[in-house]
Amino acid sequence: MDTKEQLIQGLSDAGCTMEAAEQIGSLYETGSYREMLHQMKVQRCTLIEQMHESQRKVDRMDFLIRNQEKQMK
């Protein structure tokens, strides 16, 4: 597996869409390193937003569980 393929696989493993991973791989291949890093940071922000949304869902579930536990006492 060459470096571009490893990069694409790593990005995919990290949760990037295949389209985004391939775009970043192409930027790497053409030597557009600044744009590549920019796009990687954009993907990172997207992943952080997804993480925050998941945390909000967990917080909501915790709230619902606590309310049900209070009602059972």
N, C-alpha and C. Protein backbone atom coordinates (compact mmCIF):
# COMPACT_ATOMS: atom_id res chain seq x y z
N MET A 1 0.86 -1.18 0.00
CA MET A 1 0.00 0.00 0.00
C MET A 1 0.90 1.24 0.00
N ASP A 2 0.67 2.15 -0.96
CA ASP A 2 1.50 3.35 -1.01
C ASP A 2 0.99 4.40 -0.03
N THR A 3 1.72 5.49 0.07
CA THR A 3 1.42 6.53 1.05
C THR A 3 0.04 7.13 0.84
N LYS A 4 -0.33 7.39 -0.42
CA LYS A 4 -1.66 7.96 -0.70
C LYS A 4 -2.74 7.00 -0.23
N GLU A 5 -2.59 5.72 -0.54
CA GLU A 5 -3.58 4.73 -0.12
C GLU A 5 -3.66 4.64 1.40
N GLN A 6 -2.51 4.73 2.07
CA GLN A 6 -2.49 4.69 3.54
C GLN A 6 -3.21 5.92 4.10
N LEU A 7 -2.98 7.07 3.49
CA LEU A 7 -3.64 8.29 3.92
C LEU A 7 -5.15 8.15 3.78
N ILE A 8 -5.59 7.70 2.62
CA ILE A 8 -7.03 7.53 2.37
C ILE A 8 -7.62 6.53 3.36
N GLN A 9 -6.94 5.42 3.58
CA GLN A 9 -7.44 4.42 4.53
C GLN A 9 -7.52 5.00 5.94
N GLY A 10 -6.49 5.74 6.33
CA GLY A 10 -6.48 6.36 7.67
C GLY A 10 -7.62 7.36 7.83
N LEU A 11 -7.86 8.15 6.80
CA LEU A 11 -8.96 9.12 6.86
C LEU A 11 -10.31 8.41 6.94
N SER A 12 -10.44 7.35 6.17
CA SER A 12 -11.67 6.56 6.21
C SER A 12 -11.86 5.94 7.59
N ASP A 13 -10.79 5.39 8.15
CA ASP A 13 -10.85 4.80 9.49
C ASP A 13 -11.23 5.84 10.54
N ALA A 14 -10.82 7.10 10.30
CA ALA A 14 -11.10 8.18 11.24
C ALA A 14 -12.54 8.69 11.11
N GLY A 15 -13.25 8.23 10.09
CA GLY A 15 -14.65 8.62 9.97
C GLY A 15 -14.96 9.55 8.82
N CYS A 16 -13.98 9.86 7.99
CA CYS A 16 -14.23 10.71 6.82
C CYS A 16 -14.98 9.91 5.77
N THR A 17 -15.78 10.61 4.99
CA THR A 17 -16.43 9.94 3.87
C THR A 17 -15.36 9.54 2.86
N MET A 18 -15.67 8.56 2.05
CA MET A 18 -14.71 8.14 1.03
C MET A 18 -14.44 9.27 0.05
N GLU A 19 -15.47 10.06 -0.25
CA GLU A 19 -15.30 11.20 -1.16
C GLU A 19 -14.29 12.19 -0.59
N ALA A 20 -14.44 12.54 0.68
CA ALA A 20 -13.51 13.49 1.31
C ALA A 20 -12.11 12.90 1.39
N ALA A 21 -12.02 11.62 1.75
CA ALA A 21 -10.71 10.96 1.87
C ALA A 21 -9.99 10.95 0.52
N GLU A 22 -10.72 10.66 -0.54
CA GLU A 22 -10.11 10.63 -1.87
C GLU A 22 -9.71 12.02 -2.34
N GLN A 23 -10.52 13.03 -2.00
CA GLN A 23 -10.17 14.40 -2.34
C GLN A 23 -8.86 14.80 -1.65
N ILE A 24 -8.75 14.48 -0.38
CA ILE A 24 -7.53 14.80 0.37
C ILE A 24 -6.36 14.00 -0.18
N GLY A 25 -6.59 12.75 -0.55
CA GLY A 25 -5.55 11.94 -1.17
C GLY A 25 -5.06 12.55 -2.48
N SER A 26 -5.98 13.09 -3.26
CA SER A 26 -5.60 13.74 -4.51
C SER A 26 -4.77 15.00 -4.26
N LEU A 27 -5.14 15.75 -3.24
CA LEU A 27 -4.36 16.94 -2.88
C LEU A 27 -2.94 16.54 -2.47
N TYR A 28 -2.83 15.45 -1.73
CA TYR A 28 -1.52 14.94 -1.34
C TYR A 28 -0.71 14.58 -2.58
N GLU A 29 -1.36 13.88 -3.49
CA GLU A 29 -0.70 13.38 -4.69
C GLU A 29 -0.18 14.53 -5.57
N THR A 30 -0.91 15.63 -5.60
CA THR A 30 -0.50 16.77 -6.43
C THR A 30 0.43 17.73 -5.71
N GLY A 31 0.72 17.44 -4.45
CA GLY A 31 1.64 18.29 -3.69
C GLY A 31 0.99 19.53 -3.10
N SER A 32 -0.33 19.56 -3.08
CA SER A 32 -1.07 20.70 -2.51
C SER A 32 -1.22 20.50 -1.00
N TYR A 33 -0.08 20.54 -0.30
CA TYR A 33 -0.06 20.16 1.11
C TYR A 33 -0.83 21.12 2.01
N ARG A 34 -0.76 22.43 1.72
CA ARG A 34 -1.50 23.38 2.55
C ARG A 34 -3.00 23.15 2.44
N GLU A 35 -3.48 22.98 1.22
CA GLU A 35 -4.91 22.71 1.02
C GLU A 35 -5.29 21.36 1.61
N MET A 36 -4.40 20.38 1.50
CA MET A 36 -4.64 19.07 2.08
C MET A 36 -4.83 19.20 3.59
N LEU A 37 -3.93 19.91 4.25
CA LEU A 37 -4.04 20.09 5.70
C LEU A 37 -5.30 20.87 6.05
N HIS A 38 -5.64 21.87 5.24
CA HIS A 38 -6.87 22.63 5.48
C HIS A 38 -8.08 21.70 5.43
N GLN A 39 -8.15 20.87 4.40
CA GLN A 39 -9.28 19.95 4.26
C GLN A 39 -9.31 18.92 5.39
N MET A 40 -8.15 18.49 5.84
CA MET A 40 -8.10 17.56 6.97
C MET A 40 -8.65 18.24 8.23
N LYS A 41 -8.34 19.51 8.42
CA LYS A 41 -8.86 20.26 9.57
C LYS A 41 -10.36 20.48 9.46
N VAL A 42 -10.85 20.68 8.24
CA VAL A 42 -12.29 20.80 8.03
C VAL A 42 -12.97 19.49 8.43
N GLN A 43 -12.39 18.37 8.02
CA GLN A 43 -12.94 17.06 8.38
C GLN A 43 -12.91 16.85 9.89
N ARG A 44 -11.85 17.31 10.52
CA ARG A 44 -11.73 17.19 11.98
C ARG A 44 -12.86 17.96 12.66
N CYS A 45 -13.14 19.16 12.17
CA CYS A 45 -14.23 19.97 12.74
C CYS A 45 -15.57 19.26 12.58
N THR A 46 -15.77 18.63 11.43
CA THR A 46 -16.99 17.87 11.19
C THR A 46 -17.11 16.73 12.19
N LEU A 47 -16.02 16.03 12.43
CA LEU A 47 -16.03 14.93 13.39
C LEU A 47 -16.31 15.42 14.81
N ILE A 48 -15.77 16.58 15.15
CA ILE A 48 -16.01 17.14 16.49
C ILE A 48 -17.48 17.52 16.64
N GLU A 49 -18.07 18.10 15.59
CA GLU A 49 -19.49 18.43 15.63
C GLU A 49 -20.34 17.17 15.81
N GLN A 50 -19.98 16.11 15.12
CA GLN A 50 -20.70 14.84 15.27
C GLN A 50 -20.56 14.31 16.69
N MET A 51 -19.38 14.46 17.26
CA MET A 51 -19.15 14.02 18.63
C MET A 51 -20.02 14.82 19.61
N HIS A 52 -20.09 16.13 19.39
CA HIS A 52 -20.90 16.98 20.27
C HIS A 52 -22.38 16.62 20.15
N GLU A 53 -22.83 16.35 18.94
CA GLU A 53 -24.22 15.95 18.75
C GLU A 53 -24.49 14.63 19.47
N SER A 54 -23.57 13.70 19.39
CA SER A 54 -23.73 12.43 20.11
C SER A 54 -23.77 12.66 21.61
N GLN A 55 -22.93 13.58 22.11
CA GLN A 55 -22.92 13.88 23.53
C GLN A 55 -24.25 14.48 23.98
N ARG A 56 -24.83 15.35 23.15
CA ARG A 56 -26.14 15.93 23.48
C ARG A 56 -27.20 14.83 23.58
N LYS A 57 -27.11 13.85 22.70
CA LYS A 57 -28.06 12.74 22.74
C LYS A 57 -27.89 11.91 24.01
N VAL A 58 -26.65 11.66 24.40
CA VAL A 58 -26.37 10.91 25.63
C VAL A 58 -26.88 11.71 26.83
N ASP A 59 -26.63 13.01 26.84
CA ASP A 59 -27.11 13.85 27.94
C ASP A 59 -28.63 13.81 28.04
N ARG A 60 -29.31 13.83 26.92
CA ARG A 60 -30.77 13.76 26.91
C ARG A 60 -31.24 12.41 27.45
N MET A 61 -30.57 11.35 27.04
CA MET A 61 -30.94 10.02 27.53
C MET A 61 -30.73 9.93 29.05
N ASP A 62 -29.62 10.48 29.53
CA ASP A 62 -29.37 10.50 30.98
C ASP A 62 -30.48 11.24 31.71
N PHE A 63 -30.91 12.36 31.16
CA PHE A 63 -32.00 13.14 31.76
C PHE A 63 -33.28 12.30 31.84
N LEU A 64 -33.60 11.62 30.74
CA LEU A 64 -34.81 10.79 30.72
C LEU A 64 -34.71 9.64 31.71
N ILE A 65 -33.55 9.03 31.82
CA ILE A 65 -33.35 7.94 32.78
C ILE A 65 -33.54 8.45 34.20
N ARG A 66 -32.92 9.59 34.53
CA ARG A 66 -33.05 10.15 35.89
C ARG A 66 -34.52 10.45 36.21
N ASN A 67 -35.23 11.00 35.25
CA ASN A 67 -36.64 11.30 35.49
C ASN A 67 -37.45 10.04 35.75
N GLN A 68 -37.19 8.99 35.00
CA GLN A 68 -37.92 7.73 35.21
C GLN A 68 -37.56 7.11 36.55
N GLU A 69 -36.29 7.19 36.91
CA GLU A 69 -35.87 6.65 38.22
C GLU A 69 -36.56 7.40 39.35
N LYS A 70 -36.70 8.72 39.25
CA LYS A 70 -37.37 9.52 40.28
C LYS A 70 -38.84 9.13 40.39
N GLN A 71 -39.47 8.88 39.25
CA GLN A 71 -40.89 8.52 39.26
C GLN A 71 -41.13 7.15 39.87
N MET A 72 -40.13 6.28 39.83
CA MET A 72 -40.27 4.92 40.35
C MET A 72 -40.09 4.87 41.87
N LYS A 73 -39.56 5.93 42.46
CA LYS A 73 -39.31 5.93 43.90
C LYS A 73 -40.55 6.32 44.67
